[in-house]
């Protein structure tokens, strides 16, 4: 009996030692040094991107006021890169514009440019009838302000070149009929450089297509190839929904005419190289 009792005491002592060892391995509840989870800056930036995507989804769902609040709150945290900050501002601007709040829309576009000088809408976004003119007006205003800040001595432009410059400004402001008048006037006055002639014709075509004058737009694109046979639009310009198909058709037709012209010239050159009939050989 005594032996059994002694064995029982030994077992209890061993259990107590094991429990004490486990308690030493666990953090003390009263030590005040409990581990606090650390959140890295990278994690915060990833969360900010997720919140940006959520705000854009609200915009896409037509929840414009909710999108404005979500994106504005997100911008206050300052965890987005500059490109993403300007993207958030863009969707806030869109939300204000479609809600009829033009001044707030204009202010957000301006902030987007100030945050990211390379900020730009896609061609499809640029062509939107509600915010497109406001975006272009803000862009033109900022360009004018930056040029004025440089304060370089200005050389007066000739009349034709000044009309071209004014026409492009009107185009950027969305005043397409006025831009068309100025640009055609510049061409009539006589632009000296071929580059300026091509530029004027290009913007004339743009204004016509944006006013749904497709036949005149196509004819103007064809006029460009008479000045510069190798003309092409930039990828961003060529992708604009208002003139993509019109320009592509004009380009294909101009290329065909150029090919036929080259073939004709080659035949005439080959014909003139043949020996004249009846001339005695020496």
C-alpha atoms as a PDB file:
ATOM      1  CA  UNK A   1       0.000   0.000   0.000  1.00  0.00           C
ATOM      2  CA  UNK A   2       2.837   2.278   0.912  1.00  0.00           C
ATOM      3  CA  UNK A   3       4.584   1.490  -2.363  1.00  0.00           C
ATOM      4  CA  UNK A   4       1.462   2.333  -4.358  1.00  0.00           C
ATOM      5  CA  UNK A   5       1.112   5.641  -2.534  1.00  0.00           C
ATOM      6  CA  UNK A   6       4.760   6.537  -3.202  1.00  0.00           C
ATOM      7  CA  UNK A   7       4.343   5.888  -6.935  1.00  0.00           C
ATOM      8  CA  UNK A   8       1.270   8.122  -6.993  1.00  0.00           C
ATOM      9  CA  UNK A   9       3.238  10.966  -5.375  1.00  0.00           C
ATOM     10  CA  UNK A  10       6.018  10.584  -7.948  1.00  0.00           C
ATOM     11  CA  UNK A  11       3.517  10.855 -10.820  1.00  0.00           C
ATOM     12  CA  UNK A  12       1.970  14.019  -9.360  1.00  0.00           C
ATOM     13  CA  UNK A  13       5.394  15.607  -8.997  1.00  0.00           C
ATOM     14  CA  UNK A  14       6.288  14.805 -12.611  1.00  0.00           C
ATOM     15  CA  UNK A  15       3.000  16.312 -13.842  1.00  0.00           C
ATOM     16  CA  UNK A  16       3.665  19.484 -11.857  1.00  0.00           C
ATOM     17  CA  UNK A  17       7.120  19.846 -13.373  1.00  0.00           C
ATOM     18  CA  UNK A  18       5.734  19.374 -16.892  1.00  0.00           C
ATOM     19  CA  UNK A  19       3.039  22.024 -16.303  1.00  0.00           C
ATOM     20  CA  UNK A  20       5.627  24.473 -15.010  1.00  0.00           C
ATOM     21  CA  UNK A  21       7.764  23.936 -18.112  1.00  0.00           C
ATOM     22  CA  UNK A  22       4.780  24.612 -20.413  1.00  0.00           C
ATOM     23  CA  UNK A  23       3.934  27.801 -18.556  1.00  0.00           C
ATOM     24  CA  UNK A  24       7.481  29.064 -19.106  1.00  0.00           C
ATOM     25  CA  UNK A  25       7.097  28.571 -22.854  1.00  0.00           C
ATOM     26  CA  UNK A  26       3.780  30.502 -23.036  1.00  0.00           C
ATOM     27  CA  UNK A  27       3.750  34.361 -22.951  1.00  0.00           C
ATOM     28  CA  UNK A  28       2.778  35.676 -19.558  1.00  0.00           C
ATOM     29  CA  UNK A  29      -0.646  37.313 -19.374  1.00  0.00           C
ATOM     30  CA  UNK A  30       0.611  39.665 -16.704  1.00  0.00           C
ATOM     31  CA  UNK A  31       3.996  40.458 -18.192  1.00  0.00           C
ATOM     32  CA  UNK A  32       2.667  43.316 -20.350  1.00  0.00           C
ATOM     33  CA  UNK A  33       4.853  42.144 -23.235  1.00  0.00           C
ATOM     34  CA  UNK A  34       2.275  40.280 -25.346  1.00  0.00           C
ATOM     35  CA  UNK A  35       3.212  40.241 -29.052  1.00  0.00           C
ATOM     36  CA  UNK A  36       1.336  42.819 -31.155  1.00  0.00           C
ATOM     37  CA  UNK A  37       0.742  41.947 -34.835  1.00  0.00           C
ATOM     38  CA  UNK A  38       2.833  44.247 -37.074  1.00  0.00           C
ATOM     39  CA  UNK A  39       1.282  45.543 -40.366  1.00  0.00           C
ATOM     40  CA  UNK A  40       3.847  46.416 -43.008  1.00  0.00           C
ATOM     41  CA  UNK A  41       3.668  49.413 -45.341  1.00  0.00           C
ATOM     42  CA  UNK A  42       3.408  47.000 -48.268  1.00  0.00           C
ATOM     43  CA  UNK A  43       0.290  45.446 -46.700  1.00  0.00           C
ATOM     44  CA  UNK A  44      -1.272  48.889 -46.256  1.00  0.00           C
ATOM     45  CA  UNK A  45      -0.571  49.747 -49.895  1.00  0.00           C
ATOM     46  CA  UNK A  46      -2.164  46.493 -51.063  1.00  0.00           C
ATOM     47  CA  UNK A  47      -5.238  47.236 -48.956  1.00  0.00           C
ATOM     48  CA  UNK A  48      -5.378  50.738 -50.456  1.00  0.00           C
ATOM     49  CA  UNK A  49      -5.382  49.251 -53.974  1.00  0.00           C
ATOM     50  CA  UNK A  50      -8.209  46.898 -52.973  1.00  0.00           C
ATOM     51  CA  UNK A  51     -10.191  49.859 -51.620  1.00  0.00           C
ATOM     52  CA  UNK A  52      -9.536  51.767 -54.857  1.00  0.00           C
ATOM     53  CA  UNK A  53     -10.923  48.843 -56.860  1.00  0.00           C
ATOM     54  CA  UNK A  54     -13.966  48.717 -54.543  1.00  0.00           C
ATOM     55  CA  UNK A  55     -14.620  52.438 -55.069  1.00  0.00           C
ATOM     56  CA  UNK A  56     -14.422  52.005 -58.840  1.00  0.00           C
ATOM     57  CA  UNK A  57     -16.888  49.120 -58.620  1.00  0.00           C
ATOM     58  CA  UNK A  58     -19.290  51.433 -56.785  1.00  0.00           C
ATOM     59  CA  UNK A  59     -18.922  53.937 -59.626  1.00  0.00           C
ATOM     60  CA  UNK A  60     -19.524  51.219 -62.232  1.00  0.00           C
ATOM     61  CA  UNK A  61     -22.665  50.183 -60.350  1.00  0.00           C
ATOM     62  CA  UNK A  62     -24.010  53.752 -60.526  1.00  0.00           C
ATOM     63  CA  UNK A  63     -23.492  54.392 -56.796  1.00  0.00           C
ATOM     64  CA  UNK A  64     -21.861  57.765 -57.466  1.00  0.00           C
ATOM     65  CA  UNK A  65     -22.170  59.389 -54.033  1.00  0.00           C
ATOM     66  CA  UNK A  66     -20.896  56.232 -52.336  1.00  0.00           C
ATOM     67  CA  UNK A  67     -17.979  56.098 -54.791  1.00  0.00           C
ATOM     68  CA  UNK A  68     -17.081  59.735 -54.049  1.00  0.00           C
ATOM     69  CA  UNK A  69     -17.078  59.076 -50.288  1.00  0.00           C
ATOM     70  CA  UNK A  70     -15.080  55.842 -50.525  1.00  0.00           C
ATOM     71  CA  UNK A  71     -12.451  57.275 -52.845  1.00  0.00           C
ATOM     72  CA  UNK A  72     -12.157  60.574 -50.948  1.00  0.00           C
ATOM     73  CA  UNK A  73     -11.660  58.694 -47.642  1.00  0.00           C
ATOM     74  CA  UNK A  74      -9.037  56.516 -49.307  1.00  0.00           C
ATOM     75  CA  UNK A  75      -7.091  59.525 -50.602  1.00  0.00           C
ATOM     76  CA  UNK A  76      -6.846  60.925 -47.067  1.00  0.00           C
ATOM     77  CA  UNK A  77      -4.750  57.916 -45.980  1.00  0.00           C
ATOM     78  CA  UNK A  78      -2.011  58.765 -48.487  1.00  0.00           C
ATOM     79  CA  UNK A  79      -1.076  55.144 -49.249  1.00  0.00           C
ATOM     80  CA  UNK A  80      -1.709  55.236 -53.007  1.00  0.00           C
ATOM     81  CA  UNK A  81       0.992  55.850 -55.614  1.00  0.00           C
ATOM     82  CA  UNK A  82       0.640  59.068 -57.635  1.00  0.00           C
ATOM     83  CA  UNK A  83      -0.777  57.280 -60.685  1.00  0.00           C
ATOM     84  CA  UNK A  84      -3.434  55.594 -58.506  1.00  0.00           C
ATOM     85  CA  UNK A  85      -4.191  58.874 -56.724  1.00  0.00           C
ATOM     86  CA  UNK A  86      -4.911  60.558 -60.060  1.00  0.00           C
ATOM     87  CA  UNK A  87      -7.012  57.528 -61.056  1.00  0.00           C
ATOM     88  CA  UNK A  88      -9.083  57.891 -57.895  1.00  0.00           C
ATOM     89  CA  UNK A  89      -9.498  61.617 -58.622  1.00  0.00           C
ATOM     90  CA  UNK A  90     -10.623  60.719 -62.148  1.00  0.00           C
ATOM     91  CA  UNK A  91     -13.482  58.546 -60.903  1.00  0.00           C
ATOM     92  CA  UNK A  92     -14.474  61.162 -58.340  1.00  0.00           C
ATOM     93  CA  UNK A  93     -14.586  63.679 -61.215  1.00  0.00           C
ATOM     94  CA  UNK A  94     -16.686  61.297 -63.323  1.00  0.00           C
ATOM     95  CA  UNK A  95     -19.093  60.812 -60.401  1.00  0.00           C
ATOM     96  CA  UNK A  96     -19.493  64.558 -59.894  1.00  0.00           C
ATOM     97  CA  UNK A  97     -19.947  65.187 -63.623  1.00  0.00           C
ATOM     98  CA  UNK A  98     -22.669  62.569 -64.133  1.00  0.00           C
ATOM     99  CA  UNK A  99     -24.386  63.917 -60.995  1.00  0.00           C
ATOM    100  CA  UNK A 100     -24.487  67.440 -62.455  1.00  0.00           C
ATOM    101  CA  UNK A 101     -21.803  68.890 -60.169  1.00  0.00           C
ATOM    102  CA  UNK A 102     -19.599  70.566 -62.780  1.00  0.00           C
ATOM    103  CA  UNK A 103     -17.465  72.691 -60.442  1.00  0.00           C
ATOM    104  CA  UNK A 104     -16.528  69.705 -58.271  1.00  0.00           C
ATOM    105  CA  UNK A 105     -15.843  67.685 -61.435  1.00  0.00           C
ATOM    106  CA  UNK A 106     -13.568  70.420 -62.744  1.00  0.00           C
ATOM    107  CA  UNK A 107     -11.737  70.673 -59.392  1.00  0.00           C
ATOM    108  CA  UNK A 108     -11.052  66.920 -59.278  1.00  0.00           C
ATOM    109  CA  UNK A 109      -9.649  66.875 -62.835  1.00  0.00           C
ATOM    110  CA  UNK A 110      -7.338  69.727 -61.854  1.00  0.00           C
ATOM    111  CA  UNK A 111      -6.148  67.835 -58.763  1.00  0.00           C
ATOM    112  CA  UNK A 112      -5.504  64.761 -60.909  1.00  0.00           C
ATOM    113  CA  UNK A 113      -3.232  66.814 -63.199  1.00  0.00           C
ATOM    114  CA  UNK A 114      -1.477  68.454 -60.234  1.00  0.00           C
ATOM    115  CA  UNK A 115      -0.778  65.066 -58.611  1.00  0.00           C
ATOM    116  CA  UNK A 116       0.369  63.399 -61.828  1.00  0.00           C
ATOM    117  CA  UNK A 117       1.511  65.612 -64.750  1.00  0.00           C
ATOM    118  CA  UNK A 118       1.222  62.580 -67.059  1.00  0.00           C
ATOM    119  CA  UNK A 119      -2.465  62.104 -66.206  1.00  0.00           C
ATOM    120  CA  UNK A 120      -4.672  61.642 -69.278  1.00  0.00           C
ATOM    121  CA  UNK A 121      -8.000  60.108 -70.150  1.00  0.00           C
ATOM    122  CA  UNK A 122      -8.216  57.256 -72.630  1.00  0.00           C
ATOM    123  CA  UNK A 123      -9.520  58.199 -76.103  1.00  0.00           C
ATOM    124  CA  UNK A 124     -12.903  56.676 -75.251  1.00  0.00           C
ATOM    125  CA  UNK A 125     -13.108  58.604 -71.966  1.00  0.00           C
ATOM    126  CA  UNK A 126     -11.968  61.808 -73.678  1.00  0.00           C
ATOM    127  CA  UNK A 127     -14.861  61.521 -76.121  1.00  0.00           C
ATOM    128  CA  UNK A 128     -17.527  61.298 -73.405  1.00  0.00           C
ATOM    129  CA  UNK A 129     -20.131  64.050 -73.963  1.00  0.00           C
ATOM    130  CA  UNK A 130     -20.541  64.904 -70.269  1.00  0.00           C
ATOM    131  CA  UNK A 131     -17.022  65.188 -68.893  1.00  0.00           C
ATOM    132  CA  UNK A 132     -14.929  65.299 -72.094  1.00  0.00           C
ATOM    133  CA  UNK A 133     -15.317  69.066 -72.677  1.00  0.00           C
ATOM    134  CA  UNK A 134     -14.675  69.816 -68.988  1.00  0.00           C
ATOM    135  CA  UNK A 135     -11.537  67.653 -68.949  1.00  0.00           C
ATOM    136  CA  UNK A 136     -10.165  69.320 -72.098  1.00  0.00           C
ATOM    137  CA  UNK A 137     -10.924  72.790 -70.763  1.00  0.00           C
ATOM    138  CA  UNK A 138      -9.059  72.062 -67.514  1.00  0.00           C
ATOM    139  CA  UNK A 139      -6.114  70.642 -69.461  1.00  0.00           C
ATOM    140  CA  UNK A 140      -5.948  73.693 -71.739  1.00  0.00           C
ATOM    141  CA  UNK A 141      -6.133  76.058 -68.775  1.00  0.00           C
ATOM    142  CA  UNK A 142      -3.280  74.280 -66.978  1.00  0.00           C
ATOM    143  CA  UNK A 143      -1.125  74.288 -70.119  1.00  0.00           C
ATOM    144  CA  UNK A 144      -1.731  78.033 -70.497  1.00  0.00           C
ATOM    145  CA  UNK A 145      -0.824  78.641 -66.855  1.00  0.00           C
ATOM    146  CA  UNK A 146       2.388  76.610 -67.115  1.00  0.00           C
ATOM    147  CA  UNK A 147       3.458  78.402 -70.270  1.00  0.00           C
ATOM    148  CA  UNK A 148       2.773  81.771 -68.648  1.00  0.00           C
ATOM    149  CA  UNK A 149       4.841  80.755 -65.610  1.00  0.00           C
ATOM    150  CA  UNK A 150       7.886  80.122 -67.789  1.00  0.00           C
ATOM    151  CA  UNK A 151       7.748  83.756 -68.967  1.00  0.00           C
ATOM    152  CA  UNK A 152       9.807  83.279 -72.065  1.00  0.00           C
ATOM    153  CA  UNK A 153       9.915  86.149 -74.562  1.00  0.00           C
ATOM    154  CA  UNK A 154       7.307  85.360 -77.190  1.00  0.00           C
ATOM    155  CA  UNK A 155       7.960  85.788 -80.902  1.00  0.00           C
ATOM    156  CA  UNK A 156       4.757  86.927 -82.619  1.00  0.00           C
ATOM    157  CA  UNK A 157       3.373  84.277 -84.941  1.00  0.00           C
ATOM    158  CA  UNK A 158       2.415  84.967 -88.531  1.00  0.00           C
ATOM    159  CA  UNK A 159      -1.325  85.223 -89.119  1.00  0.00           C
ATOM    160  CA  UNK A 160      -1.737  81.679 -90.472  1.00  0.00           C
ATOM    161  CA  UNK A 161       0.307  80.127 -87.666  1.00  0.00           C
ATOM    162  CA  UNK A 162      -1.570  82.161 -85.036  1.00  0.00           C
ATOM    163  CA  UNK A 163      -4.893  80.960 -86.445  1.00  0.00           C
ATOM    164  CA  UNK A 164      -3.603  77.377 -86.276  1.00  0.00           C
ATOM    165  CA  UNK A 165      -2.584  77.815 -82.636  1.00  0.00           C
ATOM    166  CA  UNK A 166      -5.929  79.409 -81.738  1.00  0.00           C
ATOM    167  CA  UNK A 167      -7.783  76.671 -83.602  1.00  0.00           C
ATOM    168  CA  UNK A 168      -6.085  73.928 -81.591  1.00  0.00           C
ATOM    169  CA  UNK A 169      -6.923  75.750 -78.339  1.00  0.00           C
ATOM    170  CA  UNK A 170     -10.577  75.949 -79.400  1.00  0.00           C
ATOM    171  CA  UNK A 171     -10.513  72.253 -80.279  1.00  0.00           C
ATOM    172  CA  UNK A 172      -9.108  71.340 -76.856  1.00  0.00           C
ATOM    173  CA  UNK A 173     -11.870  73.416 -75.257  1.00  0.00           C
ATOM    174  CA  UNK A 174     -14.500  71.404 -77.157  1.00  0.00           C
ATOM    175  CA  UNK A 175     -15.547  74.370 -79.348  1.00  0.00           C
ATOM    176  CA  UNK A 176     -15.446  72.375 -82.574  1.00  0.00           C
ATOM    177  CA  UNK A 177     -17.253  74.727 -85.027  1.00  0.00           C
ATOM    178  CA  UNK A 178     -15.029  77.658 -83.956  1.00  0.00           C
ATOM    179  CA  UNK A 179     -11.942  75.434 -84.177  1.00  0.00           C
ATOM    180  CA  UNK A 180     -12.933  74.332 -87.694  1.00  0.00           C
ATOM    181  CA  UNK A 181     -13.314  77.940 -88.870  1.00  0.00           C
ATOM    182  CA  UNK A 182      -9.912  78.973 -87.511  1.00  0.00           C
ATOM    183  CA  UNK A 183      -8.096  75.925 -88.873  1.00  0.00           C
ATOM    184  CA  UNK A 184      -9.551  76.279 -92.376  1.00  0.00           C
ATOM    185  CA  UNK A 185      -8.668  79.978 -92.206  1.00  0.00           C
ATOM    186  CA  UNK A 186      -5.071  79.075 -91.356  1.00  0.00           C
ATOM    187  CA  UNK A 187      -4.901  76.818 -94.408  1.00  0.00           C
ATOM    188  CA  UNK A 188      -6.291  79.558 -96.658  1.00  0.00           C
ATOM    189  CA  UNK A 189      -3.818  82.096 -95.280  1.00  0.00           C
ATOM    190  CA  UNK A 190      -1.004  79.739 -96.206  1.00  0.00           C
ATOM    191  CA  UNK A 191       0.855  77.790 -93.545  1.00  0.00           C
ATOM    192  CA  UNK A 192       4.535  77.758 -94.439  1.00  0.00           C
ATOM    193  CA  UNK A 193       5.677  74.396 -93.071  1.00  0.00           C
ATOM    194  CA  UNK A 194       4.358  71.045 -94.230  1.00  0.00           C
ATOM    195  CA  UNK A 195       4.080  69.903 -90.595  1.00  0.00           C
ATOM    196  CA  UNK A 196       1.742  72.804 -89.804  1.00  0.00           C
ATOM    197  CA  UNK A 197      -0.359  72.056 -92.895  1.00  0.00           C
ATOM    198  CA  UNK A 198      -0.713  68.419 -91.833  1.00  0.00           C
ATOM    199  CA  UNK A 199      -1.529  69.449 -88.252  1.00  0.00           C
ATOM    200  CA  UNK A 200      -4.234  71.857 -89.392  1.00  0.00           C
ATOM    201  CA  UNK A 201      -5.815  69.272 -91.698  1.00  0.00           C
ATOM    202  CA  UNK A 202      -5.721  66.633 -88.980  1.00  0.00           C
ATOM    203  CA  UNK A 203      -7.584  68.825 -86.512  1.00  0.00           C
ATOM    204  CA  UNK A 204     -10.057  69.872 -89.211  1.00  0.00           C
ATOM    205  CA  UNK A 205     -10.814  66.178 -89.763  1.00  0.00           C
ATOM    206  CA  UNK A 206     -11.202  65.635 -86.010  1.00  0.00           C
ATOM    207  CA  UNK A 207     -13.677  68.517 -85.678  1.00  0.00           C
ATOM    208  CA  UNK A 208     -15.728  67.236 -88.612  1.00  0.00           C
ATOM    209  CA  UNK A 209     -15.926  63.686 -87.287  1.00  0.00           C
ATOM    210  CA  UNK A 210     -16.859  64.924 -83.806  1.00  0.00           C
ATOM    211  CA  UNK A 211     -19.736  66.844 -85.432  1.00  0.00           C
ATOM    212  CA  UNK A 212     -20.771  63.642 -87.232  1.00  0.00           C
ATOM    213  CA  UNK A 213     -19.824  65.035 -90.666  1.00  0.00           C
ATOM    214  CA  UNK A 214     -18.293  61.740 -91.692  1.00  0.00           C
ATOM    215  CA  UNK A 215     -18.018  62.320 -95.453  1.00  0.00           C
ATOM    216  CA  UNK A 216     -16.250  65.664 -95.002  1.00  0.00           C
ATOM    217  CA  UNK A 217     -14.031  64.140 -92.299  1.00  0.00           C
ATOM    218  CA  UNK A 218     -12.921  61.343 -94.630  1.00  0.00           C
ATOM    219  CA  UNK A 219     -12.257  63.808 -97.455  1.00  0.00           C
ATOM    220  CA  UNK A 220     -10.073  65.891 -95.139  1.00  0.00           C
ATOM    221  CA  UNK A 221      -8.047  62.864 -94.074  1.00  0.00           C
ATOM    222  CA  UNK A 222      -7.458  62.190 -97.785  1.00  0.00           C
ATOM    223  CA  UNK A 223      -6.262  65.798 -98.246  1.00  0.00           C
ATOM    224  CA  UNK A 224      -3.513  65.102 -95.714  1.00  0.00           C
ATOM    225  CA  UNK A 225      -2.029  62.371 -97.915  1.00  0.00           C
ATOM    226  CA  UNK A 226      -1.691  64.874-100.746  1.00  0.00           C
ATOM    227  CA  UNK A 227       0.634  66.851 -98.474  1.00  0.00           C
ATOM    228  CA  UNK A 228       2.329  63.945 -96.680  1.00  0.00           C
ATOM    229  CA  UNK A 229       1.978  60.469 -98.313  1.00  0.00           C
ATOM    230  CA  UNK A 230       3.446  58.746 -95.227  1.00  0.00           C
ATOM    231  CA  UNK A 231       1.064  60.364 -92.738  1.00  0.00           C
ATOM    232  CA  UNK A 232      -0.332  58.321 -89.863  1.00  0.00           C
ATOM    233  CA  UNK A 233      -2.088  59.040 -86.581  1.00  0.00           C
ATOM    234  CA  UNK A 234      -0.584  58.105 -83.228  1.00  0.00           C
ATOM    235  CA  UNK A 235      -2.059  54.906 -81.679  1.00  0.00           C
ATOM    236  CA  UNK A 236      -4.019  57.001 -79.168  1.00  0.00           C
ATOM    237  CA  UNK A 237      -5.434  59.245 -81.914  1.00  0.00           C
ATOM    238  CA  UNK A 238      -6.217  56.352 -84.256  1.00  0.00           C
ATOM    239  CA  UNK A 239      -8.185  54.598 -81.515  1.00  0.00           C
ATOM    240  CA  UNK A 240     -10.657  57.448 -80.985  1.00  0.00           C
ATOM    241  CA  UNK A 241     -14.198  56.054 -81.448  1.00  0.00           C
ATOM    242  CA  UNK A 242     -15.400  59.108 -83.378  1.00  0.00           C
ATOM    243  CA  UNK A 243     -13.052  58.585 -86.331  1.00  0.00           C
ATOM    244  CA  UNK A 244     -11.391  55.150 -86.072  1.00  0.00           C
ATOM    245  CA  UNK A 245     -13.263  53.608 -89.019  1.00  0.00           C
ATOM    246  CA  UNK A 246     -13.287  56.824 -91.058  1.00  0.00           C
ATOM    247  CA  UNK A 247      -9.538  57.284 -90.777  1.00  0.00           C
ATOM    248  CA  UNK A 248      -8.828  53.612 -91.499  1.00  0.00           C
ATOM    249  CA  UNK A 249     -10.908  53.790 -94.697  1.00  0.00           C
ATOM    250  CA  UNK A 250      -9.214  57.026 -95.814  1.00  0.00           C
ATOM    251  CA  UNK A 251      -5.765  55.596 -95.087  1.00  0.00           C
ATOM    252  CA  UNK A 252      -6.477  52.412 -97.063  1.00  0.00           C
ATOM    253  CA  UNK A 253      -7.809  54.424-100.016  1.00  0.00           C
ATOM    254  CA  UNK A 254      -4.798  56.771 -99.956  1.00  0.00           C
ATOM    255  CA  UNK A 255      -2.407  53.812 -99.858  1.00  0.00           C
ATOM    256  CA  UNK A 256      -4.212  52.269-102.839  1.00  0.00           C
ATOM    257  CA  UNK A 257      -3.980  55.486-104.863  1.00  0.00           C
ATOM    258  CA  UNK A 258      -0.299  55.823-103.969  1.00  0.00           C
ATOM    259  CA  UNK A 259       0.382  52.237-105.075  1.00  0.00           C
ATOM    260  CA  UNK A 260      -1.426  52.771-108.390  1.00  0.00           C
ATOM    261  CA  UNK A 261       0.544  55.968-108.955  1.00  0.00           C
ATOM    262  CA  UNK A 262       3.846  54.221-108.293  1.00  0.00           C
ATOM    263  CA  UNK A 263       2.931  51.384-110.677  1.00  0.00           C
ATOM    264  CA  UNK A 264       2.007  53.847-113.409  1.00  0.00           C
ATOM    265  CA  UNK A 265       5.262  55.759-112.965  1.00  0.00           C
ATOM    266  CA  UNK A 266       7.240  52.512-113.063  1.00  0.00           C
ATOM    267  CA  UNK A 267       5.570  51.470-116.340  1.00  0.00           C
ATOM    268  CA  UNK A 268       6.232  54.859-117.931  1.00  0.00           C
ATOM    269  CA  UNK A 269       9.854  54.712-116.818  1.00  0.00           C
ATOM    270  CA  UNK A 270      10.276  51.220-118.229  1.00  0.00           C
ATOM    271  CA  UNK A 271       8.621  52.257-121.496  1.00  0.00           C
ATOM    272  CA  UNK A 272      10.911  55.270-121.908  1.00  0.00           C
ATOM    273  CA  UNK A 273      13.926  53.022-121.362  1.00  0.00           C
ATOM    274  CA  UNK A 274      13.070  50.813-124.380  1.00  0.00           C
ATOM    275  CA  UNK A 275      15.018  51.498-127.637  1.00  0.00           C
ATOM    276  CA  UNK A 276      13.103  53.636-130.130  1.00  0.00           C
ATOM    277  CA  UNK A 277      11.756  51.637-133.130  1.00  0.00           C
ATOM    278  CA  UNK A 278      13.411  52.361-136.494  1.00  0.00           C
ATOM    279  CA  UNK A 279      16.649  53.704-135.076  1.00  0.00           C
ATOM    280  CA  UNK A 280      19.532  51.889-136.826  1.00  0.00           C
ATOM    281  CA  UNK A 281      21.884  50.075-134.538  1.00  0.00           C
ATOM    282  CA  UNK A 282      25.511  51.161-134.671  1.00  0.00           C
END
